[in-house]
Structure formats: C-alpha cells, structure tokens
C-alpha cells in the first residue's frame, strides 16, 4: 500500500504541474501516467513472483 500512496502523490504532483496546459493535454498526460504506473506495478508484481 505504501507504493500506491507514493505513486498517487507523484501523479497528483505531476498533474498539478501540468494544470496550466489545456484540459485535453492534461487528460493525455494522465492517461500516459496511468499506463506507466500500470506497467510499473505489473513489472514489480512479476519481479516479486519470480523471486
């Protein structure tokens, strides 16, 4: 759960930095971050399963 907390904080920080951009660009950034986070979580879970 600690990792999720950190990822949420990071995402919120990044999105607030991008808040001056148009909403559609912000949405694209959010989707991209979500994609990165999902892949990171999958990679971490996979790594844990292997070890």
PDB file of N, CA and C in Angstrom:
ATOM      1  N   UNK A   1       0.832  -1.208   0.000  1.00  0.00           N
ATOM      2  CA  UNK A   1       0.000   0.000   0.000  1.00  0.00           C
ATOM      3  C   UNK A   1       0.870   1.263   0.000  1.00  0.00           C
ATOM      4  N   UNK A   2       2.057   1.151   0.568  1.00  0.00           N
ATOM      5  CA  UNK A   2       2.956   2.301   0.642  1.00  0.00           C
ATOM      6  C   UNK A   2       3.318   2.805  -0.750  1.00  0.00           C
ATOM      7  N   UNK A   3       3.555   1.847  -1.664  1.00  0.00           N
ATOM      8  CA  UNK A   3       3.916   2.188  -3.041  1.00  0.00           C
ATOM      9  C   UNK A   3       2.780   2.945  -3.719  1.00  0.00           C
ATOM     10  N   UNK A   4       1.559   2.458  -3.509  1.00  0.00           N
ATOM     11  CA  UNK A   4       0.392   3.114  -4.112  1.00  0.00           C
ATOM     12  C   UNK A   4       0.265   4.546  -3.632  1.00  0.00           C
ATOM     13  N   UNK A   5       0.507   4.752  -2.347  1.00  0.00           N
ATOM     14  CA  UNK A   5       0.424   6.081  -1.754  1.00  0.00           C
ATOM     15  C   UNK A   5       1.407   7.024  -2.433  1.00  0.00           C
ATOM     16  N   UNK A   6       2.635   6.533  -2.619  1.00  0.00           N
ATOM     17  CA  UNK A   6       3.683   7.328  -3.253  1.00  0.00           C
ATOM     18  C   UNK A   6       3.355   7.622  -4.712  1.00  0.00           C
ATOM     19  N   UNK A   7       2.859   6.626  -5.424  1.00  0.00           N
ATOM     20  CA  UNK A   7       2.502   6.800  -6.836  1.00  0.00           C
ATOM     21  C   UNK A   7       1.363   7.806  -6.994  1.00  0.00           C
ATOM     22  N   UNK A   8       0.382   7.731  -6.088  1.00  0.00           N
ATOM     23  CA  UNK A   8      -0.725   8.688  -6.122  1.00  0.00           C
ATOM     24  C   UNK A   8      -0.231  10.104  -5.913  1.00  0.00           C
ATOM     25  N   UNK A   9       0.654  10.263  -4.929  1.00  0.00           N
ATOM     26  CA  UNK A   9       1.218  11.577  -4.636  1.00  0.00           C
ATOM     27  C   UNK A   9       1.984  12.109  -5.841  1.00  0.00           C
ATOM     28  N   UNK A  10       2.807  11.247  -6.432  1.00  0.00           N
ATOM     29  CA  UNK A  10       3.610  11.629  -7.594  1.00  0.00           C
ATOM     30  C   UNK A  10       2.722  12.048  -8.764  1.00  0.00           C
ATOM     31  N   UNK A  11       1.683  11.260  -9.023  1.00  0.00           N
ATOM     32  CA  UNK A  11       0.753  11.558 -10.114  1.00  0.00           C
ATOM     33  C   UNK A  11       0.072  12.902  -9.887  1.00  0.00           C
ATOM     34  N   UNK A  12      -0.390  13.121  -8.652  1.00  0.00           N
ATOM     35  CA  UNK A  12      -1.048  14.391  -8.332  1.00  0.00           C
ATOM     36  C   UNK A  12      -0.104  15.569  -8.489  1.00  0.00           C
ATOM     37  N   UNK A  13       1.130  15.391  -8.067  1.00  0.00           N
ATOM     38  CA  UNK A  13       2.143  16.444  -8.205  1.00  0.00           C
ATOM     39  C   UNK A  13       2.364  16.776  -9.680  1.00  0.00           C
ATOM     40  N   UNK A  14       2.549  15.740 -10.497  1.00  0.00           N
ATOM     41  CA  UNK A  14       2.791  15.938 -11.927  1.00  0.00           C
ATOM     42  C   UNK A  14       1.601  16.597 -12.609  1.00  0.00           C
ATOM     43  N   UNK A  15       0.397  16.154 -12.257  1.00  0.00           N
ATOM     44  CA  UNK A  15      -0.802  16.722 -12.868  1.00  0.00           C
ATOM     45  C   UNK A  15      -0.990  18.177 -12.467  1.00  0.00           C
ATOM     46  N   UNK A  16      -0.680  18.523 -11.220  1.00  0.00           N
ATOM     47  CA  UNK A  16      -0.812  19.915 -10.792  1.00  0.00           C
ATOM     48  C   UNK A  16       0.209  20.798 -11.508  1.00  0.00           C
ATOM     49  N   UNK A  17       1.368  20.233 -11.824  1.00  0.00           N
ATOM     50  CA  UNK A  17       2.375  20.972 -12.591  1.00  0.00           C
ATOM     51  C   UNK A  17       1.898  21.225 -14.018  1.00  0.00           C
ATOM     52  N   UNK A  18       1.086  20.305 -14.544  1.00  0.00           N
ATOM     53  CA  UNK A  18       0.603  20.415 -15.915  1.00  0.00           C
ATOM     54  C   UNK A  18      -0.744  21.139 -16.011  1.00  0.00           C
ATOM     55  N   UNK A  19      -1.226  21.664 -14.888  1.00  0.00           N
ATOM     56  CA  UNK A  19      -2.576  22.240 -14.856  1.00  0.00           C
ATOM     57  C   UNK A  19      -2.738  23.471 -15.744  1.00  0.00           C
ATOM     58  N   UNK A  20      -1.623  24.122 -16.117  1.00  0.00           N
ATOM     59  CA  UNK A  20      -1.713  25.291 -16.991  1.00  0.00           C
ATOM     60  C   UNK A  20      -1.908  24.900 -18.459  1.00  0.00           C
ATOM     61  N   UNK A  21      -1.706  23.622 -18.766  1.00  0.00           N
ATOM     62  CA  UNK A  21      -1.911  23.116 -20.124  1.00  0.00           C
ATOM     63  C   UNK A  21      -3.412  22.914 -20.365  1.00  0.00           C
ATOM     64  N   UNK A  22      -3.807  22.850 -21.633  1.00  0.00           N
ATOM     65  CA  UNK A  22      -5.215  22.631 -21.962  1.00  0.00           C
ATOM     66  C   UNK A  22      -5.711  21.302 -21.379  1.00  0.00           C
ATOM     67  N   UNK A  23      -7.006  21.229 -21.033  1.00  0.00           N
ATOM     68  CA  UNK A  23      -7.573  20.016 -20.431  1.00  0.00           C
ATOM     69  C   UNK A  23      -7.299  18.737 -21.222  1.00  0.00           C
ATOM     70  N   UNK A  24      -7.352  18.824 -22.554  1.00  0.00           N
ATOM     71  CA  UNK A  24      -7.139  17.621 -23.362  1.00  0.00           C
ATOM     72  C   UNK A  24      -5.700  17.118 -23.223  1.00  0.00           C
ATOM     73  N   UNK A  25      -4.756  18.056 -23.167  1.00  0.00           N
ATOM     74  CA  UNK A  25      -3.354  17.677 -22.983  1.00  0.00           C
ATOM     75  C   UNK A  25      -3.163  17.070 -21.598  1.00  0.00           C
ATOM     76  N   UNK A  26      -3.831  17.658 -20.613  1.00  0.00           N
ATOM     77  CA  UNK A  26      -3.762  17.148 -19.244  1.00  0.00           C
ATOM     78  C   UNK A  26      -4.316  15.726 -19.178  1.00  0.00           C
ATOM     79  N   UNK A  27      -5.396  15.500 -19.913  1.00  0.00           N
ATOM     80  CA  UNK A  27      -6.008  14.168 -19.950  1.00  0.00           C
ATOM     81  C   UNK A  27      -5.051  13.158 -20.579  1.00  0.00           C
ATOM     82  N   UNK A  28      -4.360  13.585 -21.628  1.00  0.00           N
ATOM     83  CA  UNK A  28      -3.389  12.703 -22.278  1.00  0.00           C
ATOM     84  C   UNK A  28      -2.242  12.368 -21.337  1.00  0.00           C
ATOM     85  N   UNK A  29      -1.786  13.371 -20.594  1.00  0.00           N
ATOM     86  CA  UNK A  29      -0.719  13.162 -19.614  1.00  0.00           C
ATOM     87  C   UNK A  29      -1.186  12.177 -18.545  1.00  0.00           C
ATOM     88  N   UNK A  30      -2.427  12.356 -18.078  1.00  0.00           N
ATOM     89  CA  UNK A  30      -2.984  11.465 -17.061  1.00  0.00           C
ATOM     90  C   UNK A  30      -3.059  10.029 -17.573  1.00  0.00           C
ATOM     91  N   UNK A  31      -3.500   9.865 -18.810  1.00  0.00           N
ATOM     92  CA  UNK A  31      -3.585   8.532 -19.404  1.00  0.00           C
ATOM     93  C   UNK A  31      -2.203   7.904 -19.549  1.00  0.00           C
ATOM     94  N   UNK A  32      -1.243   8.720 -19.961  1.00  0.00           N
ATOM     95  CA  UNK A  32       0.127   8.241 -20.124  1.00  0.00           C
ATOM     96  C   UNK A  32       0.718   7.814 -18.789  1.00  0.00           C
ATOM     97  N   UNK A  33       0.484   8.624 -17.752  1.00  0.00           N
ATOM     98  CA  UNK A  33       0.966   8.289 -16.411  1.00  0.00           C
ATOM     99  C   UNK A  33       0.312   7.008 -15.911  1.00  0.00           C
ATOM    100  N   UNK A  34      -0.991   6.883 -16.165  1.00  0.00           N
ATOM    101  CA  UNK A  34      -1.713   5.684 -15.750  1.00  0.00           C
ATOM    102  C   UNK A  34      -1.126   4.449 -16.422  1.00  0.00           C
ATOM    103  N   UNK A  35      -0.806   4.573 -17.700  1.00  0.00           N
ATOM    104  CA  UNK A  35      -0.188   3.493 -18.471  1.00  0.00           C
ATOM    105  C   UNK A  35       1.170   3.119 -17.876  1.00  0.00           C
ATOM    106  N   UNK A  36       1.976   4.136 -17.568  1.00  0.00           N
ATOM    107  CA  UNK A  36       3.293   3.893 -16.971  1.00  0.00           C
ATOM    108  C   UNK A  36       3.171   3.208 -15.618  1.00  0.00           C
ATOM    109  N   UNK A  37       2.255   3.726 -14.788  1.00  0.00           N
ATOM    110  CA  UNK A  37       2.066   3.175 -13.449  1.00  0.00           C
ATOM    111  C   UNK A  37       1.582   1.732 -13.514  1.00  0.00           C
ATOM    112  N   UNK A  38       0.622   1.455 -14.395  1.00  0.00           N
ATOM    113  CA  UNK A  38       0.113   0.093 -14.559  1.00  0.00           C
ATOM    114  C   UNK A  38       1.240  -0.861 -14.940  1.00  0.00           C
ATOM    115  N   UNK A  39       2.077  -0.443 -15.886  1.00  0.00           N
ATOM    116  CA  UNK A  39       3.187  -1.285 -16.319  1.00  0.00           C
ATOM    117  C   UNK A  39       4.218  -1.464 -15.220  1.00  0.00           C
ATOM    118  N   UNK A  40       4.466  -0.397 -14.450  1.00  0.00           N
ATOM    119  CA  UNK A  40       5.402  -0.471 -13.342  1.00  0.00           C
ATOM    120  C   UNK A  40       4.911  -1.459 -12.289  1.00  0.00           C
ATOM    121  N   UNK A  41       3.632  -1.363 -11.964  1.00  0.00           N
ATOM    122  CA  UNK A  41       3.037  -2.262 -10.969  1.00  0.00           C
ATOM    123  C   UNK A  41       3.110  -3.711 -11.448  1.00  0.00           C
ATOM    124  N   UNK A  42       2.793  -3.932 -12.716  1.00  0.00           N
ATOM    125  CA  UNK A  42       2.880  -5.279 -13.282  1.00  0.00           C
ATOM    126  C   UNK A  42       4.310  -5.804 -13.212  1.00  0.00           C
ATOM    127  N   UNK A  43       5.274  -4.955 -13.550  1.00  0.00           N
ATOM    128  CA  UNK A  43       6.681  -5.350 -13.519  1.00  0.00           C
ATOM    129  C   UNK A  43       7.120  -5.692 -12.102  1.00  0.00           C
ATOM    130  N   UNK A  44       6.699  -4.878 -11.132  1.00  0.00           N
ATOM    131  CA  UNK A  44       7.046  -5.122  -9.730  1.00  0.00           C
ATOM    132  C   UNK A  44       6.422  -6.425  -9.242  1.00  0.00           C
ATOM    133  N   UNK A  45       5.149  -6.636  -9.561  1.00  0.00           N
ATOM    134  CA  UNK A  45       4.464  -7.869  -9.156  1.00  0.00           C
ATOM    135  C   UNK A  45       5.144  -9.085  -9.777  1.00  0.00           C
ATOM    136  N   UNK A  46       5.498  -8.971 -11.045  1.00  0.00           N
ATOM    137  CA  UNK A  46       6.167 -10.047 -11.761  1.00  0.00           C
ATOM    138  C   UNK A  46       7.513 -10.365 -11.110  1.00  0.00           C
ATOM    139  N   UNK A  47       8.248  -9.326 -10.764  1.00  0.00           N
ATOM    140  CA  UNK A  47       9.554  -9.469 -10.120  1.00  0.00           C
ATOM    141  C   UNK A  47       9.407 -10.176  -8.768  1.00  0.00           C
ATOM    142  N   UNK A  48       8.394  -9.767  -8.006  1.00  0.00           N
ATOM    143  CA  UNK A  48       8.142 -10.377  -6.693  1.00  0.00           C
ATOM    144  C   UNK A  48       7.797 -11.860  -6.856  1.00  0.00           C
ATOM    145  N   UNK A  49       6.980 -12.175  -7.872  1.00  0.00           N
ATOM    146  CA  UNK A  49       6.589 -13.562  -8.107  1.00  0.00           C
ATOM    147  C   UNK A  49       7.786 -14.429  -8.483  1.00  0.00           C
ATOM    148  N   UNK A  50       8.687 -13.871  -9.285  1.00  0.00           N
ATOM    149  CA  UNK A  50       9.863 -14.624  -9.730  1.00  0.00           C
ATOM    150  C   UNK A  50      10.807 -14.930  -8.571  1.00  0.00           C
ATOM    151  N   UNK A  51      11.037 -13.927  -7.709  1.00  0.00           N
ATOM    152  CA  UNK A  51      11.999 -14.103  -6.618  1.00  0.00           C
ATOM    153  C   UNK A  51      11.490 -15.031  -5.528  1.00  0.00           C
TER     154      UNK A  51
END
